[in-house]
Each structure stands twice: as structure tokens, then as C-alpha cells.
């Protein structure tokens, strides 16, 4: 996947195939919020940030703080950077 947007779209499509709810997350006024929120059967929630090798590929200070804040609260957070990482995450957490 060459772009972050393409990687997100692939992830959302794969989640839908297996019955997970995955949505692009829009949070006006809050910079740094993860790109996609996933809810799995049973209520397990993940906040996923995507980075691609063709983009900046680096978390911004706002993203680092937000992911850390979510983690402190016990939320599941993850940064995915490739199609292979998407596939590993899905297989590992099925």
C-alpha cells in the first residue's frame, strides 16, 4: 500500500469481511486522534493510527500524546504501517 489512505481503506474492508466494525474517525477540534476505531464482537475496541512509508511516516507530537493518553486509560492502541502489519494484526486478534 503506497498511501495511508489506501492502507486505511484496505484495513476497513478486511475488518468488514470478518464482521468487525471499523470506521474512519473524524474528531474536529482534536488533533492527533487515531485514524480508525474498530469494535470487535464482544465489545473489544481498538484505536488504530496508520502511517505509510510514502508519507511522513512519523507520529506527530499530538498523536504521540493522544495514543499515550488512551493507553494510560487502558485502551487498545496500535500503529500500523503496512498491509502485512494489517494482516498480522487481524490474524493475531481474531
PDB file of N, CA and C in Angstrom:
ATOM      1  N   UNK A   1       0.852  -1.168   0.000  1.00  0.00           N
ATOM      2  CA  UNK A   1       0.000   0.000   0.000  1.00  0.00           C
ATOM      3  C   UNK A   1       0.901   1.235   0.000  1.00  0.00           C
ATOM      4  N   UNK A   2       0.648   2.092  -0.915  1.00  0.00           N
ATOM      5  CA  UNK A   2       1.522   3.244  -1.071  1.00  0.00           C
ATOM      6  C   UNK A   2       1.116   4.429  -0.201  1.00  0.00           C
ATOM      7  N   UNK A   3      -0.158   4.564   0.096  1.00  0.00           N
ATOM      8  CA  UNK A   3      -0.579   5.727   0.873  1.00  0.00           C
ATOM      9  C   UNK A   3      -1.282   5.294   2.153  1.00  0.00           C
ATOM     10  N   UNK A   4      -1.306   6.215   3.090  1.00  0.00           N
ATOM     11  CA  UNK A   4      -2.006   5.978   4.345  1.00  0.00           C
ATOM     12  C   UNK A   4      -3.487   5.732   4.080  1.00  0.00           C
ATOM     13  N   UNK A   5      -4.065   6.514   3.184  1.00  0.00           N
ATOM     14  CA  UNK A   5      -5.493   6.370   2.858  1.00  0.00           C
ATOM     15  C   UNK A   5      -5.793   4.985   2.286  1.00  0.00           C
ATOM     16  N   UNK A   6      -4.933   4.496   1.405  1.00  0.00           N
ATOM     17  CA  UNK A   6      -5.129   3.166   0.825  1.00  0.00           C
ATOM     18  C   UNK A   6      -5.010   2.080   1.890  1.00  0.00           C
ATOM     19  N   UNK A   7      -4.082   2.233   2.799  1.00  0.00           N
ATOM     20  CA  UNK A   7      -3.905   1.270   3.878  1.00  0.00           C
ATOM     21  C   UNK A   7      -5.127   1.257   4.793  1.00  0.00           C
ATOM     22  N   UNK A   8      -5.648   2.436   5.110  1.00  0.00           N
ATOM     23  CA  UNK A   8      -6.868   2.521   5.925  1.00  0.00           C
ATOM     24  C   UNK A   8      -8.039   1.839   5.232  1.00  0.00           C
ATOM     25  N   UNK A   9      -8.213   2.117   3.944  1.00  0.00           N
ATOM     26  CA  UNK A   9      -9.325   1.528   3.186  1.00  0.00           C
ATOM     27  C   UNK A   9      -9.210   0.002   3.161  1.00  0.00           C
ATOM     28  N   UNK A  10      -7.997  -0.503   2.970  1.00  0.00           N
ATOM     29  CA  UNK A  10      -7.766  -1.948   2.972  1.00  0.00           C
ATOM     30  C   UNK A  10      -8.128  -2.535   4.338  1.00  0.00           C
ATOM     31  N   UNK A  11      -7.682  -1.897   5.396  1.00  0.00           N
ATOM     32  CA  UNK A  11      -7.963  -2.359   6.753  1.00  0.00           C
ATOM     33  C   UNK A  11      -9.471  -2.407   7.009  1.00  0.00           C
ATOM     34  N   UNK A  12     -10.166  -1.340   6.681  1.00  0.00           N
ATOM     35  CA  UNK A  12     -11.611  -1.266   6.911  1.00  0.00           C
ATOM     36  C   UNK A  12     -12.332  -2.363   6.116  1.00  0.00           C
ATOM     37  N   UNK A  13     -11.924  -2.579   4.867  1.00  0.00           N
ATOM     38  CA  UNK A  13     -12.527  -3.620   4.031  1.00  0.00           C
ATOM     39  C   UNK A  13     -12.304  -5.009   4.641  1.00  0.00           C
ATOM     40  N   UNK A  14     -11.084  -5.269   5.109  1.00  0.00           N
ATOM     41  CA  UNK A  14     -10.782  -6.570   5.708  1.00  0.00           C
ATOM     42  C   UNK A  14     -11.552  -6.781   7.011  1.00  0.00           C
ATOM     43  N   UNK A  15     -11.693  -5.741   7.802  1.00  0.00           N
ATOM     44  CA  UNK A  15     -12.467  -5.841   9.048  1.00  0.00           C
ATOM     45  C   UNK A  15     -13.926  -6.181   8.751  1.00  0.00           C
ATOM     46  N   UNK A  16     -14.480  -5.528   7.765  1.00  0.00           N
ATOM     47  CA  UNK A  16     -15.877  -5.773   7.384  1.00  0.00           C
ATOM     48  C   UNK A  16     -16.081  -7.233   6.987  1.00  0.00           C
ATOM     49  N   UNK A  17     -15.126  -7.792   6.252  1.00  0.00           N
ATOM     50  CA  UNK A  17     -15.220  -9.192   5.811  1.00  0.00           C
ATOM     51  C   UNK A  17     -15.389 -10.162   6.972  1.00  0.00           C
ATOM     52  N   UNK A  18     -14.781  -9.833   8.115  1.00  0.00           N
ATOM     53  CA  UNK A  18     -14.814 -10.771   9.251  1.00  0.00           C
ATOM     54  C   UNK A  18     -15.787 -10.343  10.348  1.00  0.00           C
ATOM     55  N   UNK A  19     -16.596  -9.339  10.050  1.00  0.00           N
ATOM     56  CA  UNK A  19     -17.642  -8.959  10.992  1.00  0.00           C
ATOM     57  C   UNK A  19     -17.250  -7.953  12.051  1.00  0.00           C
ATOM     58  N   UNK A  20     -16.132  -7.276  11.855  1.00  0.00           N
ATOM     59  CA  UNK A  20     -15.733  -6.221  12.783  1.00  0.00           C
ATOM     60  C   UNK A  20     -16.244  -4.890  12.256  1.00  0.00           C
ATOM     61  N   UNK A  21     -16.576  -3.985  13.145  1.00  0.00           N
ATOM     62  CA  UNK A  21     -16.993  -2.640  12.765  1.00  0.00           C
ATOM     63  C   UNK A  21     -15.769  -1.726  12.819  1.00  0.00           C
ATOM     64  N   UNK A  22     -15.377  -1.197  11.679  1.00  0.00           N
ATOM     65  CA  UNK A  22     -14.210  -0.309  11.609  1.00  0.00           C
ATOM     66  C   UNK A  22     -14.643   0.968  10.906  1.00  0.00           C
ATOM     67  N   UNK A  23     -14.391   2.094  11.530  1.00  0.00           N
ATOM     68  CA  UNK A  23     -14.797   3.380  10.980  1.00  0.00           C
ATOM     69  C   UNK A  23     -13.664   4.377  11.036  1.00  0.00           C
ATOM     70  N   UNK A  24     -13.535   5.124   9.954  1.00  0.00           N
ATOM     71  CA  UNK A  24     -12.626   6.279   9.947  1.00  0.00           C
ATOM     72  C   UNK A  24     -13.146   7.233  10.999  1.00  0.00           C
ATOM     73  N   UNK A  25     -12.270   7.716  11.839  1.00  0.00           N
ATOM     74  CA  UNK A  25     -12.674   8.559  12.956  1.00  0.00           C
ATOM     75  C   UNK A  25     -12.402  10.025  12.644  1.00  0.00           C
ATOM     76  N   UNK A  26     -13.442  10.825  12.671  1.00  0.00           N
ATOM     77  CA  UNK A  26     -13.308  12.269  12.466  1.00  0.00           C
ATOM     78  C   UNK A  26     -13.515  12.942  13.823  1.00  0.00           C
ATOM     79  N   UNK A  27     -12.562  13.752  14.228  1.00  0.00           N
ATOM     80  CA  UNK A  27     -12.662  14.426  15.525  1.00  0.00           C
ATOM     81  C   UNK A  27     -12.274  15.893  15.377  1.00  0.00           C
ATOM     82  N   UNK A  28     -13.181  16.693  14.821  1.00  0.00           N
ATOM     83  CA  UNK A  28     -12.864  18.114  14.667  1.00  0.00           C
ATOM     84  C   UNK A  28     -12.476  18.736  16.014  1.00  0.00           C
ATOM     85  N   UNK A  29     -11.441  19.528  15.979  1.00  0.00           N
ATOM     86  CA  UNK A  29     -11.011  20.217  17.190  1.00  0.00           C
ATOM     87  C   UNK A  29     -10.088  19.406  18.078  1.00  0.00           C
ATOM     88  N   UNK A  30      -9.783  18.169  17.681  1.00  0.00           N
ATOM     89  CA  UNK A  30      -8.855  17.373  18.497  1.00  0.00           C
ATOM     90  C   UNK A  30      -7.801  16.755  17.590  1.00  0.00           C
ATOM     91  N   UNK A  31      -6.709  17.448  17.448  1.00  0.00           N
ATOM     92  CA  UNK A  31      -5.614  16.949  16.618  1.00  0.00           C
ATOM     93  C   UNK A  31      -4.968  15.746  17.280  1.00  0.00           C
ATOM     94  N   UNK A  32      -4.600  14.778  16.454  1.00  0.00           N
ATOM     95  CA  UNK A  32      -3.865  13.629  16.968  1.00  0.00           C
ATOM     96  C   UNK A  32      -4.698  12.403  17.260  1.00  0.00           C
ATOM     97  N   UNK A  33      -6.028  12.492  17.079  1.00  0.00           N
ATOM     98  CA  UNK A  33      -6.864  11.330  17.365  1.00  0.00           C
ATOM     99  C   UNK A  33      -6.567  10.227  16.348  1.00  0.00           C
ATOM    100  N   UNK A  34      -6.556   8.949  16.750  1.00  0.00           N
ATOM    101  CA  UNK A  34      -6.260   7.861  15.814  1.00  0.00           C
ATOM    102  C   UNK A  34      -7.204   7.841  14.604  1.00  0.00           C
ATOM    103  N   UNK A  35      -6.703   7.323  13.501  1.00  0.00           N
ATOM    104  CA  UNK A  35      -7.427   7.341  12.232  1.00  0.00           C
ATOM    105  C   UNK A  35      -8.698   6.507  12.215  1.00  0.00           C
ATOM    106  N   UNK A  36      -8.633   5.316  12.798  1.00  0.00           N
ATOM    107  CA  UNK A  36      -9.744   4.369  12.699  1.00  0.00           C
ATOM    108  C   UNK A  36     -10.051   3.793  14.081  1.00  0.00           C
ATOM    109  N   UNK A  37     -11.339   3.629  14.350  1.00  0.00           N
ATOM    110  CA  UNK A  37     -11.798   2.954  15.561  1.00  0.00           C
ATOM    111  C   UNK A  37     -12.412   1.624  15.132  1.00  0.00           C
ATOM    112  N   UNK A  38     -12.035   0.561  15.809  1.00  0.00           N
ATOM    113  CA  UNK A  38     -12.522  -0.786  15.493  1.00  0.00           C
ATOM    114  C   UNK A  38     -13.238  -1.342  16.715  1.00  0.00           C
ATOM    115  N   UNK A  39     -14.406  -1.914  16.464  1.00  0.00           N
ATOM    116  CA  UNK A  39     -15.126  -2.614  17.530  1.00  0.00           C
ATOM    117  C   UNK A  39     -15.331  -4.049  17.057  1.00  0.00           C
ATOM    118  N   UNK A  40     -14.817  -4.962  17.861  1.00  0.00           N
ATOM    119  CA  UNK A  40     -14.913  -6.385  17.534  1.00  0.00           C
ATOM    120  C   UNK A  40     -16.099  -6.991  18.277  1.00  0.00           C
ATOM    121  N   UNK A  41     -16.598  -8.130  17.796  1.00  0.00           N
ATOM    122  CA  UNK A  41     -17.652  -8.817  18.542  1.00  0.00           C
ATOM    123  C   UNK A  41     -17.215  -9.026  19.992  1.00  0.00           C
ATOM    124  N   UNK A  42     -18.117  -8.815  20.902  1.00  0.00           N
ATOM    125  CA  UNK A  42     -17.796  -8.906  22.322  1.00  0.00           C
ATOM    126  C   UNK A  42     -17.432  -7.554  22.914  1.00  0.00           C
ATOM    127  N   UNK A  43     -17.337  -6.525  22.061  1.00  0.00           N
ATOM    128  CA  UNK A  43     -17.110  -5.171  22.553  1.00  0.00           C
ATOM    129  C   UNK A  43     -15.667  -4.729  22.661  1.00  0.00           C
ATOM    130  N   UNK A  44     -14.724  -5.547  22.231  1.00  0.00           N
ATOM    131  CA  UNK A  44     -13.318  -5.137  22.274  1.00  0.00           C
ATOM    132  C   UNK A  44     -13.100  -3.985  21.286  1.00  0.00           C
ATOM    133  N   UNK A  45     -12.524  -2.884  21.779  1.00  0.00           N
ATOM    134  CA  UNK A  45     -12.329  -1.680  20.963  1.00  0.00           C
ATOM    135  C   UNK A  45     -10.839  -1.421  20.780  1.00  0.00           C
ATOM    136  N   UNK A  46     -10.481  -1.041  19.544  1.00  0.00           N
ATOM    137  CA  UNK A  46      -9.107  -0.675  19.211  1.00  0.00           C
ATOM    138  C   UNK A  46      -9.096   0.693  18.548  1.00  0.00           C
ATOM    139  N   UNK A  47      -8.079   1.476  18.850  1.00  0.00           N
ATOM    140  CA  UNK A  47      -7.839   2.760  18.192  1.00  0.00           C
ATOM    141  C   UNK A  47      -6.564   2.578  17.359  1.00  0.00           C
ATOM    142  N   UNK A  48      -6.707   2.735  16.040  1.00  0.00           N
ATOM    143  CA  UNK A  48      -5.612   2.431  15.131  1.00  0.00           C
ATOM    144  C   UNK A  48      -5.155   3.694  14.409  1.00  0.00           C
ATOM    145  N   UNK A  49      -3.860   3.937  14.451  1.00  0.00           N
ATOM    146  CA  UNK A  49      -3.234   5.024  13.679  1.00  0.00           C
ATOM    147  C   UNK A  49      -2.487   4.371  12.523  1.00  0.00           C
ATOM    148  N   UNK A  50      -2.586   4.968  11.347  1.00  0.00           N
ATOM    149  CA  UNK A  50      -1.912   4.442  10.166  1.00  0.00           C
ATOM    150  C   UNK A  50      -0.815   5.388   9.718  1.00  0.00           C
ATOM    151  N   UNK A  51       0.286   4.806   9.312  1.00  0.00           N
ATOM    152  CA  UNK A  51       1.396   5.551   8.725  1.00  0.00           C
ATOM    153  C   UNK A  51       1.855   4.774   7.503  1.00  0.00           C
ATOM    154  N   UNK A  52       2.226   5.480   6.467  1.00  0.00           N
ATOM    155  CA  UNK A  52       2.721   4.782   5.277  1.00  0.00           C
ATOM    156  C   UNK A  52       4.149   5.212   5.004  1.00  0.00           C
ATOM    157  N   UNK A  53       4.911   4.342   4.372  1.00  0.00           N
ATOM    158  CA  UNK A  53       6.304   4.681   4.070  1.00  0.00           C
ATOM    159  C   UNK A  53       6.429   5.832   3.076  1.00  0.00           C
ATOM    160  N   UNK A  54       5.367   6.088   2.300  1.00  0.00           N
ATOM    161  CA  UNK A  54       5.453   7.173   1.315  1.00  0.00           C
ATOM    162  C   UNK A  54       5.083   8.529   1.905  1.00  0.00           C
ATOM    163  N   UNK A  55       4.469   8.537   3.074  1.00  0.00           N
ATOM    164  CA  UNK A  55       4.121   9.798   3.734  1.00  0.00           C
ATOM    165  C   UNK A  55       5.239  10.221   4.664  1.00  0.00           C
ATOM    166  N   UNK A  56       4.864  11.028   5.662  1.00  0.00           N
ATOM    167  CA  UNK A  56       5.868  11.435   6.647  1.00  0.00           C
ATOM    168  C   UNK A  56       6.334  10.252   7.473  1.00  0.00           C
ATOM    169  N   UNK A  57       5.416   9.305   7.701  1.00  0.00           N
ATOM    170  CA  UNK A  57       5.785   8.073   8.389  1.00  0.00           C
ATOM    171  C   UNK A  57       6.166   8.238   9.845  1.00  0.00           C
ATOM    172  N   UNK A  58       5.902   9.395  10.415  1.00  0.00           N
ATOM    173  CA  UNK A  58       6.285   9.664  11.797  1.00  0.00           C
ATOM    174  C   UNK A  58       5.060  10.192  12.547  1.00  0.00           C
ATOM    175  N   UNK A  59       4.905   9.732  13.776  1.00  0.00           N
ATOM    176  CA  UNK A  59       3.818  10.254  14.599  1.00  0.00           C
ATOM    177  C   UNK A  59       4.111  11.696  14.988  1.00  0.00           C
ATOM    178  N   UNK A  60       3.075  12.521  14.941  1.00  0.00           N
ATOM    179  CA  UNK A  60       3.218  13.908  15.383  1.00  0.00           C
ATOM    180  C   UNK A  60       3.205  13.939  16.913  1.00  0.00           C
ATOM    181  N   UNK A  61       3.660  15.025  17.520  1.00  0.00           N
ATOM    182  CA  UNK A  61       3.579  15.137  18.975  1.00  0.00           C
ATOM    183  C   UNK A  61       2.146  14.966  19.495  1.00  0.00           C
ATOM    184  N   UNK A  62       1.153  15.502  18.766  1.00  0.00           N
ATOM    185  CA  UNK A  62      -0.249  15.340  19.180  1.00  0.00           C
ATOM    186  C   UNK A  62      -0.664  13.869  19.142  1.00  0.00           C
ATOM    187  N   UNK A  63      -0.235  13.151  18.102  1.00  0.00           N
ATOM    188  CA  UNK A  63      -0.569  11.732  18.005  1.00  0.00           C
ATOM    189  C   UNK A  63       0.099  10.930  19.111  1.00  0.00           C
ATOM    190  N   UNK A  64       1.340  11.216  19.388  1.00  0.00           N
ATOM    191  CA  UNK A  64       2.060  10.514  20.461  1.00  0.00           C
ATOM    192  C   UNK A  64       1.350  10.712  21.787  1.00  0.00           C
ATOM    193  N   UNK A  65       0.983  11.944  22.098  1.00  0.00           N
ATOM    194  CA  UNK A  65       0.296  12.234  23.364  1.00  0.00           C
ATOM    195  C   UNK A  65      -1.065  11.561  23.431  1.00  0.00           C
ATOM    196  N   UNK A  66      -1.825  11.637  22.353  1.00  0.00           N
ATOM    197  CA  UNK A  66      -3.160  11.034  22.354  1.00  0.00           C
ATOM    198  C   UNK A  66      -3.085   9.526  22.514  1.00  0.00           C
ATOM    199  N   UNK A  67      -2.197   8.875  21.772  1.00  0.00           N
ATOM    200  CA  UNK A  67      -2.049   7.424  21.914  1.00  0.00           C
ATOM    201  C   UNK A  67      -1.610   7.050  23.329  1.00  0.00           C
ATOM    202  N   UNK A  68      -0.709   7.831  23.902  1.00  0.00           N
ATOM    203  CA  UNK A  68      -0.262   7.577  25.276  1.00  0.00           C
ATOM    204  C   UNK A  68      -1.410   7.772  26.263  1.00  0.00           C
ATOM    205  N   UNK A  69      -2.187   8.835  26.092  1.00  0.00           N
ATOM    206  CA  UNK A  69      -3.331   9.089  26.979  1.00  0.00           C
ATOM    207  C   UNK A  69      -4.348   7.947  26.903  1.00  0.00           C
ATOM    208  N   UNK A  70      -4.632   7.483  25.688  1.00  0.00           N
ATOM    209  CA  UNK A  70      -5.563   6.357  25.531  1.00  0.00           C
ATOM    210  C   UNK A  70      -4.998   5.106  26.199  1.00  0.00           C
ATOM    211  N   UNK A  71      -3.704   4.866  26.019  1.00  0.00           N
ATOM    212  CA  UNK A  71      -3.065   3.706  26.628  1.00  0.00           C
ATOM    213  C   UNK A  71      -3.114   3.736  28.144  1.00  0.00           C
ATOM    214  N   UNK A  72      -2.903   4.900  28.735  1.00  0.00           N
ATOM    215  CA  UNK A  72      -2.956   5.047  30.191  1.00  0.00           C
ATOM    216  C   UNK A  72      -4.355   4.687  30.714  1.00  0.00           C
ATOM    217  N   UNK A  73      -5.363   4.988  29.911  1.00  0.00           N
ATOM    218  CA  UNK A  73      -6.739   4.670  30.298  1.00  0.00           C
ATOM    219  C   UNK A  73      -7.095   3.202  30.049  1.00  0.00           C
ATOM    220  N   UNK A  74      -6.158   2.442  29.514  1.00  0.00           N
ATOM    221  CA  UNK A  74      -6.379   1.025  29.287  1.00  0.00           C
ATOM    222  C   UNK A  74      -6.927   0.693  27.911  1.00  0.00           C
ATOM    223  N   UNK A  75      -6.984   1.672  27.016  1.00  0.00           N
ATOM    224  CA  UNK A  75      -7.485   1.435  25.672  1.00  0.00           C
ATOM    225  C   UNK A  75      -6.451   0.669  24.852  1.00  0.00           C
ATOM    226  N   UNK A  76      -6.947  -0.069  23.892  1.00  0.00           N
ATOM    227  CA  UNK A  76      -6.085  -0.779  22.943  1.00  0.00           C
ATOM    228  C   UNK A  76      -5.700   0.183  21.835  1.00  0.00           C
ATOM    229  N   UNK A  77      -4.425   0.462  21.676  1.00  0.00           N
ATOM    230  CA  UNK A  77      -3.947   1.374  20.640  1.00  0.00           C
ATOM    231  C   UNK A  77      -2.852   0.685  19.830  1.00  0.00           C
ATOM    232  N   UNK A  78      -2.774   1.058  18.557  1.00  0.00           N
ATOM    233  CA  UNK A  78      -1.799   0.419  17.687  1.00  0.00           C
ATOM    234  C   UNK A  78      -1.505   1.334  16.514  1.00  0.00           C
ATOM    235  N   UNK A  79      -0.269   1.282  16.040  1.00  0.00           N
ATOM    236  CA  UNK A  79       0.130   1.975  14.810  1.00  0.00           C
ATOM    237  C   UNK A  79       0.448   0.896  13.785  1.00  0.00           C
ATOM    238  N   UNK A  80      -0.192   0.991  12.613  1.00  0.00           N
ATOM    239  CA  UNK A  80       0.047   0.041  11.534  1.00  0.00           C
ATOM    240  C   UNK A  80       0.659   0.777  10.354  1.00  0.00           C
ATOM    241  N   UNK A  81       1.667   0.153   9.734  1.00  0.00           N
ATOM    242  CA  UNK A  81       2.414   0.834   8.679  1.00  0.00           C
ATOM    243  C   UNK A  81       2.448   0.083   7.345  1.00  0.00           C
ATOM    244  N   UNK A  82       1.851  -1.103   7.275  1.00  0.00           N
ATOM    245  CA  UNK A  82       1.907  -1.858   6.024  1.00  0.00           C
ATOM    246  C   UNK A  82       0.746  -2.841   5.951  1.00  0.00           C
ATOM    247  N   UNK A  83       0.520  -3.339   4.742  1.00  0.00           N
ATOM    248  CA  UNK A  83      -0.507  -4.362   4.520  1.00  0.00           C
ATOM    249  C   UNK A  83      -0.188  -5.603   5.349  1.00  0.00           C
ATOM    250  N   UNK A  84       1.082  -5.950   5.424  1.00  0.00           N
ATOM    251  CA  UNK A  84       1.494  -7.126   6.199  1.00  0.00           C
ATOM    252  C   UNK A  84       1.183  -6.942   7.688  1.00  0.00           C
ATOM    253  N   UNK A  85       1.405  -5.746   8.206  1.00  0.00           N
ATOM    254  CA  UNK A  85       1.081  -5.488   9.612  1.00  0.00           C
ATOM    255  C   UNK A  85      -0.423  -5.563   9.842  1.00  0.00           C
ATOM    256  N   UNK A  86      -1.216  -5.065   8.894  1.00  0.00           N
ATOM    257  CA  UNK A  86      -2.681  -5.175   8.988  1.00  0.00           C
ATOM    258  C   UNK A  86      -3.069  -6.643   9.076  1.00  0.00           C
ATOM    259  N   UNK A  87      -2.537  -7.446   8.174  1.00  0.00           N
ATOM    260  CA  UNK A  87      -2.882  -8.870   8.140  1.00  0.00           C
ATOM    261  C   UNK A  87      -2.454  -9.594   9.410  1.00  0.00           C
ATOM    262  N   UNK A  88      -1.256  -9.272   9.925  1.00  0.00           N
ATOM    263  CA  UNK A  88      -0.791  -9.887  11.186  1.00  0.00           C
ATOM    264  C   UNK A  88      -1.704  -9.506  12.342  1.00  0.00           C
ATOM    265  N   UNK A  89      -2.100  -8.225  12.425  1.00  0.00           N
ATOM    266  CA  UNK A  89      -2.981  -7.770  13.500  1.00  0.00           C
ATOM    267  C   UNK A  89      -4.303  -8.536  13.460  1.00  0.00           C
ATOM    268  N   UNK A  90      -4.892  -8.630  12.273  1.00  0.00           N
ATOM    269  CA  UNK A  90      -6.184  -9.323  12.152  1.00  0.00           C
ATOM    270  C   UNK A  90      -6.047 -10.783  12.551  1.00  0.00           C
ATOM    271  N   UNK A  91      -5.042 -11.467  12.050  1.00  0.00           N
ATOM    272  CA  UNK A  91      -4.864 -12.886  12.382  1.00  0.00           C
ATOM    273  C   UNK A  91      -4.594 -13.083  13.876  1.00  0.00           C
ATOM    274  N   UNK A  92      -3.817 -12.197  14.452  1.00  0.00           N
ATOM    275  CA  UNK A  92      -3.451 -12.324  15.876  1.00  0.00           C
ATOM    276  C   UNK A  92      -4.623 -12.062  16.799  1.00  0.00           C
ATOM    277  N   UNK A  93      -5.550 -11.187  16.390  1.00  0.00           N
ATOM    278  CA  UNK A  93      -6.626 -10.797  17.302  1.00  0.00           C
ATOM    279  C   UNK A  93      -7.986 -11.382  16.925  1.00  0.00           C
ATOM    280  N   UNK A  94      -8.017 -12.332  15.978  1.00  0.00           N
ATOM    281  CA  UNK A  94      -9.284 -12.968  15.607  1.00  0.00           C
ATOM    282  C   UNK A  94      -9.919 -13.672  16.786  1.00  0.00           C
TER     283      UNK A  94
END
